[in-house]
PDB file of N, CA and C in Angstrom:
ATOM      1  N   MET A   1     -62.146 -71.176  39.402  1.00  0.00           N
ATOM      2  CA  MET A   1     -61.129 -71.615  38.470  1.00  0.00           C
ATOM      3  C   MET A   1     -60.031 -70.562  38.422  1.00  0.00           C
ATOM      4  N   THR A   2     -58.792 -70.987  38.565  1.00  0.00           N
ATOM      5  CA  THR A   2     -57.664 -70.076  38.558  1.00  0.00           C
ATOM      6  C   THR A   2     -57.206 -69.846  37.128  1.00  0.00           C
ATOM      7  N   ILE A   3     -57.045 -68.580  36.796  1.00  0.00           N
ATOM      8  CA  ILE A   3     -56.560 -68.202  35.472  1.00  0.00           C
ATOM      9  C   ILE A   3     -55.179 -67.571  35.655  1.00  0.00           C
ATOM     10  N   GLY A   4     -54.285 -67.789  34.702  1.00  0.00           N
ATOM     11  CA  GLY A   4     -52.995 -67.135  34.774  1.00  0.00           C
ATOM     12  C   GLY A   4     -51.840 -68.109  34.818  1.00  0.00           C
ATOM     13  N   PRO A   5     -50.704 -67.630  35.320  1.00  0.00           N
ATOM     14  CA  PRO A   5     -49.500 -68.446  35.266  1.00  0.00           C
ATOM     15  C   PRO A   5     -49.561 -69.717  36.112  1.00  0.00           C
ATOM     16  N   ARG A   6     -50.334 -69.699  37.196  1.00  0.00           N
ATOM     17  CA  ARG A   6     -50.421 -70.907  38.020  1.00  0.00           C
ATOM     18  C   ARG A   6     -51.071 -72.035  37.234  1.00  0.00           C
ATOM     19  N   ARG A   7     -52.086 -71.731  36.475  1.00  0.00           N
ATOM     20  CA  ARG A   7     -52.748 -72.740  35.662  1.00  0.00           C
ATOM     21  C   ARG A   7     -51.815 -73.236  34.558  1.00  0.00           C
ATOM     22  N   LEU A   8     -51.055 -72.334  33.966  1.00  0.00           N
ATOM     23  CA  LEU A   8     -50.103 -72.707  32.932  1.00  0.00           C
ATOM     24  C   LEU A   8     -49.013 -73.601  33.521  1.00  0.00           C
ATOM     25  N   ALA A   9     -48.526 -73.263  34.705  1.00  0.00           N
ATOM     26  CA  ALA A   9     -47.506 -74.078  35.355  1.00  0.00           C
ATOM     27  C   ALA A   9     -48.051 -75.472  35.671  1.00  0.00           C
ATOM     28  N   PHE A  10     -49.306 -75.551  36.061  1.00  0.00           N
ATOM     29  CA  PHE A  10     -49.933 -76.849  36.331  1.00  0.00           C
ATOM     30  C   PHE A  10     -49.926 -77.714  35.081  1.00  0.00           C
ATOM     31  N   TYR A  11     -50.355 -77.163  33.960  1.00  0.00           N
ATOM     32  CA  TYR A  11     -50.412 -77.937  32.728  1.00  0.00           C
ATOM     33  C   TYR A  11     -49.019 -78.314  32.221  1.00  0.00           C
ATOM     34  N   LEU A  12     -48.054 -77.418  32.350  1.00  0.00           N
ATOM     35  CA  LEU A  12     -46.691 -77.751  31.946  1.00  0.00           C
ATOM     36  C   LEU A  12     -46.096 -78.836  32.835  1.00  0.00           C
ATOM     37  N   GLY A  13     -46.393 -78.782  34.124  1.00  0.00           N
ATOM     38  CA  GLY A  13     -45.926 -79.821  35.036  1.00  0.00           C
ATOM     39  C   GLY A  13     -46.546 -81.169  34.721  1.00  0.00           C
ATOM     40  N   VAL A  14     -47.842 -81.182  34.445  1.00  0.00           N
ATOM     41  CA  VAL A  14     -48.522 -82.433  34.093  1.00  0.00           C
ATOM     42  C   VAL A  14     -47.978 -82.977  32.778  1.00  0.00           C
ATOM     43  N   LEU A  15     -47.732 -82.104  31.810  1.00  0.00           N
ATOM     44  CA  LEU A  15     -47.190 -82.539  30.531  1.00  0.00           C
ATOM     45  C   LEU A  15     -45.798 -83.133  30.706  1.00  0.00           C
ATOM     46  N   SER A  16     -44.960 -82.478  31.496  1.00  0.00           N
ATOM     47  CA  SER A  16     -43.611 -82.991  31.751  1.00  0.00           C
ATOM     48  C   SER A  16     -43.656 -84.334  32.480  1.00  0.00           C
ATOM     49  N   ALA A  17     -44.477 -84.419  33.513  1.00  0.00           N
ATOM     50  CA  ALA A  17     -44.603 -85.674  34.252  1.00  0.00           C
ATOM     51  C   ALA A  17     -45.149 -86.781  33.353  1.00  0.00           C
ATOM     52  N   GLY A  18     -46.065 -86.445  32.478  1.00  0.00           N
ATOM     53  CA  GLY A  18     -46.624 -87.434  31.560  1.00  0.00           C
ATOM     54  C   GLY A  18     -45.598 -87.952  30.569  1.00  0.00           C
ATOM     55  N   PHE A  19     -44.759 -87.060  30.038  1.00  0.00           N
ATOM     56  CA  PHE A  19     -43.714 -87.513  29.121  1.00  0.00           C
ATOM     57  C   PHE A  19     -42.703 -88.402  29.834  1.00  0.00           C
ATOM     58  N   ILE A  20     -42.364 -88.053  31.072  1.00  0.00           N
ATOM     59  CA  ILE A  20     -41.419 -88.874  31.828  1.00  0.00           C
ATOM     60  C   ILE A  20     -42.032 -90.242  32.119  1.00  0.00           C
ATOM     61  N   LEU A  21     -43.291 -90.262  32.557  1.00  0.00           N
ATOM     62  CA  LEU A  21     -43.973 -91.524  32.830  1.00  0.00           C
ATOM     63  C   LEU A  21     -44.111 -92.356  31.561  1.00  0.00           C
ATOM     64  N   GLY A  22     -44.465 -91.731  30.454  1.00  0.00           N
ATOM     65  CA  GLY A  22     -44.592 -92.450  29.191  1.00  0.00           C
ATOM     66  C   GLY A  22     -43.270 -93.007  28.710  1.00  0.00           C
ATOM     67  N   GLY A  23     -42.191 -92.251  28.871  1.00  0.00           N
ATOM     68  CA  GLY A  23     -40.865 -92.750  28.505  1.00  0.00           C
ATOM     69  C   GLY A  23     -40.461 -93.927  29.358  1.00  0.00           C
ATOM     70  N   PHE A  24     -40.780 -93.849  30.647  1.00  0.00           N
ATOM     71  CA  PHE A  24     -40.480 -94.967  31.546  1.00  0.00           C
ATOM     72  C   PHE A  24     -41.278 -96.212  31.144  1.00  0.00           C
ATOM     73  N   LEU A  25     -42.563 -96.041  30.846  1.00  0.00           N
ATOM     74  CA  LEU A  25     -43.382 -97.186  30.422  1.00  0.00           C
ATOM     75  C   LEU A  25     -42.867 -97.785  29.117  1.00  0.00           C
ATOM     76  N   SER A  26     -42.473 -96.933  28.194  1.00  0.00           N
ATOM     77  CA  SER A  26     -41.961 -97.406  26.917  1.00  0.00           C
ATOM     78  C   SER A  26     -40.659 -98.190  27.100  1.00  0.00           C
ATOM     79  N   ALA A  27     -39.751 -97.677  27.924  1.00  0.00           N
ATOM     80  CA  ALA A  27     -38.489 -98.384  28.177  1.00  0.00           C
ATOM     81  C   ALA A  27     -38.741 -99.711  28.897  1.00  0.00           C
ATOM     82  N   LEU A  28     -39.704 -99.708  29.806  1.00  0.00           N
ATOM     83  CA  LEU A  28     -40.038-100.929  30.542  1.00  0.00           C
ATOM     84  C   LEU A  28     -40.595-102.000  29.606  1.00  0.00           C
ATOM     85  N   LEU A  29     -41.500-101.600  28.704  1.00  0.00           N
ATOM     86  CA  LEU A  29     -42.067-102.580  27.772  1.00  0.00           C
ATOM     87  C   LEU A  29     -41.047-103.043  26.740  1.00  0.00           C
ATOM     88  N   LYS A  30     -40.138-102.153  26.313  1.00  0.00           N
ATOM     89  CA  LYS A  30     -39.089-102.577  25.376  1.00  0.00           C
ATOM     90  C   LYS A  30     -38.213-103.650  25.999  1.00  0.00           C
ATOM     91  N   ARG A  31     -38.009-103.546  27.285  1.00  0.00           N
ATOM     92  CA  ARG A  31     -37.124-104.498  27.954  1.00  0.00           C
ATOM     93  C   ARG A  31     -37.801-105.836  28.242  1.00  0.00           C
ATOM     94  N   PHE A  32     -39.075-105.814  28.655  1.00  0.00           N
ATOM     95  CA  PHE A  32     -39.695-107.036  29.163  1.00  0.00           C
ATOM     96  C   PHE A  32     -40.704-107.709  28.235  1.00  0.00           C
ATOM     97  N   LEU A  33     -41.221-107.044  27.225  1.00  0.00           N
ATOM     98  CA  LEU A  33     -42.157-107.709  26.316  1.00  0.00           C
ATOM     99  C   LEU A  33     -41.403-108.614  25.353  1.00  0.00           C
ATOM    100  N   PRO A  34     -41.934-109.775  25.059  1.00  0.00           N
ATOM    101  CA  PRO A  34     -41.287-110.629  24.056  1.00  0.00           C
ATOM    102  C   PRO A  34     -41.496-110.037  22.658  1.00  0.00           C
ATOM    103  N   ALA A  35     -40.608-110.396  21.748  1.00  0.00           N
ATOM    104  CA  ALA A  35     -40.708-109.897  20.377  1.00  0.00           C
ATOM    105  C   ALA A  35     -42.031-110.322  19.761  1.00  0.00           C
ATOM    106  N   GLY A  36     -42.673-109.388  19.085  1.00  0.00           N
ATOM    107  CA  GLY A  36     -43.945-109.675  18.447  1.00  0.00           C
ATOM    108  C   GLY A  36     -44.681-108.394  18.114  1.00  0.00           C
ATOM    109  N   PRO A  37     -45.908-108.534  17.631  1.00  0.00           N
ATOM    110  CA  PRO A  37     -46.667-107.354  17.224  1.00  0.00           C
ATOM    111  C   PRO A  37     -47.008-106.415  18.384  1.00  0.00           C
ATOM    112  N   ALA A  38     -47.265-106.954  19.558  1.00  0.00           N
ATOM    113  CA  ALA A  38     -47.601-106.093  20.698  1.00  0.00           C
ATOM    114  C   ALA A  38     -46.419-105.212  21.077  1.00  0.00           C
ATOM    115  N   LYS A  39     -45.232-105.772  21.076  1.00  0.00           N
ATOM    116  CA  LYS A  39     -44.041-104.988  21.397  1.00  0.00           C
ATOM    117  C   LYS A  39     -43.806-103.917  20.345  1.00  0.00           C
ATOM    118  N   GLU A  40     -43.964-104.251  19.078  1.00  0.00           N
ATOM    119  CA  GLU A  40     -43.776-103.274  18.012  1.00  0.00           C
ATOM    120  C   GLU A  40     -44.821-102.162  18.088  1.00  0.00           C
ATOM    121  N   PHE A  41     -46.048-102.503  18.419  1.00  0.00           N
ATOM    122  CA  PHE A  41     -47.118-101.504  18.485  1.00  0.00           C
ATOM    123  C   PHE A  41     -46.915-100.540  19.647  1.00  0.00           C
ATOM    124  N   PHE A  42     -46.647-101.069  20.825  1.00  0.00           N
ATOM    125  CA  PHE A  42     -46.554-100.219  22.001  1.00  0.00           C
ATOM    126  C   PHE A  42     -45.245 -99.439  22.085  1.00  0.00           C
ATOM    127  N   THR A  43     -44.189 -99.915  21.448  1.00  0.00           N
ATOM    128  CA  THR A  43     -42.904 -99.223  21.543  1.00  0.00           C
ATOM    129  C   THR A  43     -42.534 -98.472  20.273  1.00  0.00           C
ATOM    130  N   TRP A  44     -43.436 -98.369  19.314  1.00  0.00           N
ATOM    131  CA  TRP A  44     -43.186 -97.630  18.075  1.00  0.00           C
ATOM    132  C   TRP A  44     -43.121 -96.142  18.388  1.00  0.00           C
ATOM    133  N   THR A  45     -42.073 -95.478  17.904  1.00  0.00           N
ATOM    134  CA  THR A  45     -41.899 -94.050  18.171  1.00  0.00           C
ATOM    135  C   THR A  45     -41.671 -93.287  16.875  1.00  0.00           C
ATOM    136  N   VAL A  46     -42.017 -92.007  16.918  1.00  0.00           N
ATOM    137  CA  VAL A  46     -41.733 -91.066  15.844  1.00  0.00           C
ATOM    138  C   VAL A  46     -40.812 -90.022  16.454  1.00  0.00           C
ATOM    139  N   THR A  47     -39.729 -89.681  15.757  1.00  0.00           N
ATOM    140  CA  THR A  47     -38.778 -88.713  16.284  1.00  0.00           C
ATOM    141  C   THR A  47     -38.605 -87.561  15.298  1.00  0.00           C
ATOM    142  N   PRO A  48     -39.418 -86.494  15.455  1.00  0.00           N
ATOM    143  CA  PRO A  48     -39.173 -85.310  14.622  1.00  0.00           C
ATOM    144  C   PRO A  48     -37.937 -84.575  15.144  1.00  0.00           C
ATOM    145  N   THR A  49     -37.103 -84.102  14.224  1.00  0.00           N
ATOM    146  CA  THR A  49     -35.885 -83.402  14.618  1.00  0.00           C
ATOM    147  C   THR A  49     -35.823 -82.030  13.964  1.00  0.00           C
ATOM    148  N   VAL A  50     -35.135 -81.129  14.628  1.00  0.00           N
ATOM    149  CA  VAL A  50     -34.883 -79.794  14.111  1.00  0.00           C
ATOM    150  C   VAL A  50     -33.381 -79.577  14.198  1.00  0.00           C
ATOM    151  N   GLY A  51     -32.801 -79.106  13.126  1.00  0.00           N
ATOM    152  CA  GLY A  51     -31.387 -78.767  13.202  1.00  0.00           C
ATOM    153  C   GLY A  51     -30.583 -79.477  12.162  1.00  0.00           C
ATOM    154  N   PRO A  52     -29.342 -79.267  12.161  1.00  0.00           N
ATOM    155  CA  PRO A  52     -28.576 -78.432  13.077  1.00  0.00           C
ATOM    156  C   PRO A  52     -28.778 -76.948  12.773  1.00  0.00           C
ATOM    157  N   LEU A  53     -28.721 -76.145  13.795  1.00  0.00           N
ATOM    158  CA  LEU A  53     -28.886 -74.701  13.703  1.00  0.00           C
ATOM    159  C   LEU A  53     -27.518 -74.059  13.867  1.00  0.00           C
ATOM    160  N   HIS A  54     -27.067 -73.334  12.856  1.00  0.00           N
ATOM    161  CA  HIS A  54     -25.769 -72.675  12.902  1.00  0.00           C
ATOM    162  C   HIS A  54     -25.965 -71.208  13.250  1.00  0.00           C
ATOM    163  N   LEU A  55     -25.257 -70.744  14.252  1.00  0.00           N
ATOM    164  CA  LEU A  55     -25.308 -69.353  14.675  1.00  0.00           C
ATOM    165  C   LEU A  55     -23.902 -68.789  14.524  1.00  0.00           C
ATOM    166  N   ASP A  56     -23.758 -67.796  13.646  1.00  0.00           N
ATOM    167  CA  ASP A  56     -22.448 -67.222  13.375  1.00  0.00           C
ATOM    168  C   ASP A  56     -22.482 -65.741  13.724  1.00  0.00           C
ATOM    169  N   LEU A  57     -21.946 -65.423  14.898  1.00  0.00           N
ATOM    170  CA  LEU A  57     -21.779 -64.037  15.303  1.00  0.00           C
ATOM    171  C   LEU A  57     -20.340 -63.624  15.001  1.00  0.00           C
ATOM    172  N   VAL A  58     -20.017 -62.390  15.162  1.00  0.00           N
ATOM    173  CA  VAL A  58     -18.681 -61.931  14.808  1.00  0.00           C
ATOM    174  C   VAL A  58     -17.617 -62.581  15.692  1.00  0.00           C
ATOM    175  N   ILE A  59     -17.867 -62.679  16.988  1.00  0.00           N
ATOM    176  CA  ILE A  59     -16.854 -63.231  17.887  1.00  0.00           C
ATOM    177  C   ILE A  59     -17.175 -64.643  18.360  1.00  0.00           C
ATOM    178  N   LEU A  60     -18.318 -65.181  17.963  1.00  0.00           N
ATOM    179  CA  LEU A  60     -18.743 -66.487  18.452  1.00  0.00           C
ATOM    180  C   LEU A  60     -19.439 -67.256  17.344  1.00  0.00           C
ATOM    181  N   GLN A  61     -19.045 -68.515  17.169  1.00  0.00           N
ATOM    182  CA  GLN A  61     -19.739 -69.407  16.247  1.00  0.00           C
ATOM    183  C   GLN A  61     -20.244 -70.600  17.033  1.00  0.00           C
ATOM    184  N   MET A  62     -21.488 -70.967  16.800  1.00  0.00           N
ATOM    185  CA  MET A  62     -22.095 -72.041  17.575  1.00  0.00           C
ATOM    186  C   MET A  62     -22.997 -72.864  16.663  1.00  0.00           C
ATOM    187  N   THR A  63     -23.036 -74.173  16.923  1.00  0.00           N
ATOM    188  CA  THR A  63     -23.942 -75.071  16.219  1.00  0.00           C
ATOM    189  C   THR A  63     -24.738 -75.845  17.261  1.00  0.00           C
ATOM    190  N   LEU A  64     -26.045 -75.814  17.121  1.00  0.00           N
ATOM    191  CA  LEU A  64     -26.934 -76.518  18.036  1.00  0.00           C
ATOM    192  C   LEU A  64     -27.728 -77.533  17.244  1.00  0.00           C
ATOM    193  N   GLY A  65     -27.700 -78.763  17.697  1.00  0.00           N
ATOM    194  CA  GLY A  65     -28.580 -79.715  17.070  1.00  0.00           C
ATOM    195  C   GLY A  65     -27.876 -80.927  16.553  1.00  0.00           C
ATOM    196  N   PRO A  66     -28.592 -81.809  15.988  1.00  0.00           N
ATOM    197  CA  PRO A  66     -30.044 -81.785  15.857  1.00  0.00           C
ATOM    198  C   PRO A  66     -30.742 -82.085  17.182  1.00  0.00           C
ATOM    199  N   VAL A  67     -31.877 -81.455  17.382  1.00  0.00           N
ATOM    200  CA  VAL A  67     -32.680 -81.636  18.586  1.00  0.00           C
ATOM    201  C   VAL A  67     -33.918 -82.432  18.190  1.00  0.00           C
ATOM    202  N   GLY A  68     -34.191 -83.508  18.900  1.00  0.00           N
ATOM    203  CA  GLY A  68     -35.326 -84.370  18.564  1.00  0.00           C
ATOM    204  C   GLY A  68     -36.175 -84.677  19.774  1.00  0.00           C
ATOM    205  N   LEU A  69     -37.405 -85.041  19.519  1.00  0.00           N
ATOM    206  CA  LEU A  69     -38.348 -85.418  20.564  1.00  0.00           C
ATOM    207  C   LEU A  69     -38.968 -86.748  20.162  1.00  0.00           C
ATOM    208  N   GLN A  70     -38.839 -87.758  21.017  1.00  0.00           N
ATOM    209  CA  GLN A  70     -39.430 -89.060  20.715  1.00  0.00           C
ATOM    210  C   GLN A  70     -40.875 -89.076  21.191  1.00  0.00           C
ATOM    211  N   VAL A  71     -41.790 -89.278  20.268  1.00  0.00           N
ATOM    212  CA  VAL A  71     -43.214 -89.316  20.574  1.00  0.00           C
ATOM    213  C   VAL A  71     -43.701 -90.740  20.347  1.00  0.00           C
ATOM    214  N   SER A  72     -44.377 -91.296  21.357  1.00  0.00           N
ATOM    215  CA  SER A  72     -44.881 -92.660  21.231  1.00  0.00           C
ATOM    216  C   SER A  72     -46.288 -92.736  21.818  1.00  0.00           C
ATOM    217  N   LEU A  73     -46.926 -93.858  21.567  1.00  0.00           N
ATOM    218  CA  LEU A  73     -48.262 -94.092  22.115  1.00  0.00           C
ATOM    219  C   LEU A  73     -48.225 -94.075  23.635  1.00  0.00           C
ATOM    220  N   LEU A  74     -47.199 -94.676  24.212  1.00  0.00           N
ATOM    221  CA  LEU A  74     -47.109 -94.714  25.672  1.00  0.00           C
ATOM    222  C   LEU A  74     -46.800 -93.336  26.257  1.00  0.00           C
ATOM    223  N   GLY A  75     -46.219 -92.445  25.471  1.00  0.00           N
ATOM    224  CA  GLY A  75     -46.055 -91.066  25.924  1.00  0.00           C
ATOM    225  C   GLY A  75     -47.403 -90.400  26.144  1.00  0.00           C
ATOM    226  N   PHE A  76     -48.327 -90.620  25.217  1.00  0.00           N
ATOM    227  CA  PHE A  76     -49.678 -90.072  25.374  1.00  0.00           C
ATOM    228  C   PHE A  76     -50.429 -90.741  26.519  1.00  0.00           C
ATOM    229  N   VAL A  77     -50.213 -92.037  26.689  1.00  0.00           N
ATOM    230  CA  VAL A  77     -50.824 -92.741  27.824  1.00  0.00           C
ATOM    231  C   VAL A  77     -50.294 -92.168  29.135  1.00  0.00           C
ATOM    232  N   GLY A  78     -49.003 -91.890  29.188  1.00  0.00           N
ATOM    233  CA  GLY A  78     -48.407 -91.293  30.373  1.00  0.00           C
ATOM    234  C   GLY A  78     -48.971 -89.915  30.671  1.00  0.00           C
ATOM    235  N   ILE A  79     -49.218 -89.116  29.635  1.00  0.00           N
ATOM    236  CA  ILE A  79     -49.807 -87.790  29.821  1.00  0.00           C
ATOM    237  C   ILE A  79     -51.217 -87.913  30.386  1.00  0.00           C
ATOM    238  N   VAL A  80     -52.001 -88.837  29.870  1.00  0.00           N
ATOM    239  CA  VAL A  80     -53.373 -89.016  30.357  1.00  0.00           C
ATOM    240  C   VAL A  80     -53.365 -89.476  31.815  1.00  0.00           C
ATOM    241  N   ILE A  81     -52.491 -90.428  32.151  1.00  0.00           N
ATOM    242  CA  ILE A  81     -52.408 -90.899  33.537  1.00  0.00           C
ATOM    243  C   ILE A  81     -51.974 -89.773  34.464  1.00  0.00           C
ATOM    244  N   ALA A  82     -50.948 -88.994  34.055  1.00  0.00           N
ATOM    245  CA  ALA A  82     -50.479 -87.896  34.883  1.00  0.00           C
ATOM    246  C   ALA A  82     -51.575 -86.847  35.072  1.00  0.00           C
ATOM    247  N   TYR A  83     -52.347 -86.557  34.035  1.00  0.00           N
ATOM    248  CA  TYR A  83     -53.422 -85.578  34.144  1.00  0.00           C
ATOM    249  C   TYR A  83     -54.517 -86.079  35.085  1.00  0.00           C
ATOM    250  N   LEU A  84     -54.902 -87.335  34.977  1.00  0.00           N
ATOM    251  CA  LEU A  84     -55.950 -87.867  35.844  1.00  0.00           C
ATOM    252  C   LEU A  84     -55.513 -87.888  37.306  1.00  0.00           C
ATOM    253  N   VAL A  85     -54.260 -88.237  37.556  1.00  0.00           N
ATOM    254  CA  VAL A  85     -53.746 -88.237  38.930  1.00  0.00           C
ATOM    255  C   VAL A  85     -53.690 -86.814  39.469  1.00  0.00           C
ATOM    256  N   ALA A  86     -53.175 -85.876  38.674  1.00  0.00           N
ATOM    257  CA  ALA A  86     -53.074 -84.486  39.129  1.00  0.00           C
ATOM    258  C   ALA A  86     -54.456 -83.875  39.349  1.00  0.00           C
ATOM    259  N   ARG A  87     -55.391 -84.209  38.493  1.00  0.00           N
ATOM    260  CA  ARG A  87     -56.745 -83.665  38.643  1.00  0.00           C
ATOM    261  C   ARG A  87     -57.415 -84.201  39.889  1.00  0.00           C
ATOM    262  N   SER A  88     -57.157 -85.458  40.226  1.00  0.00           N
ATOM    263  CA  SER A  88     -57.764 -86.012  41.428  1.00  0.00           C
ATOM    264  C   SER A  88     -57.108 -85.463  42.701  1.00  0.00           C
ATOM    265  N   LEU A  89     -55.828 -85.087  42.611  1.00  0.00           N
ATOM    266  CA  LEU A  89     -55.150 -84.531  43.776  1.00  0.00           C
ATOM    267  C   LEU A  89     -55.477 -83.061  44.004  1.00  0.00           C
ATOM    268  N   PHE A  90     -55.685 -82.307  42.938  1.00  0.00           N
ATOM    269  CA  PHE A  90     -55.940 -80.868  43.083  1.00  0.00           C
ATOM    270  C   PHE A  90     -57.357 -80.591  42.719  1.00  0.00           C
TER     271      PHE A  90
END
């Protein structure tokens, strides 16, 4: 078992791929499922946000935000699928 940054990079890559896959699945179901309880259940999202963050330096003023992350059931499904595929390949 490999310990260290390579293992961390593997998990971050799987997490990123899973979020992308889950977002794609969610967008696909939003487009093609007919209106009803199944569409509402599978495409329901929670969006926690942080911000706006104001940074005031002497020569620079900057505002960042709000920054949000959409979390859905299909996002978690995408993470599980990405992990199973990556585990079977490596």
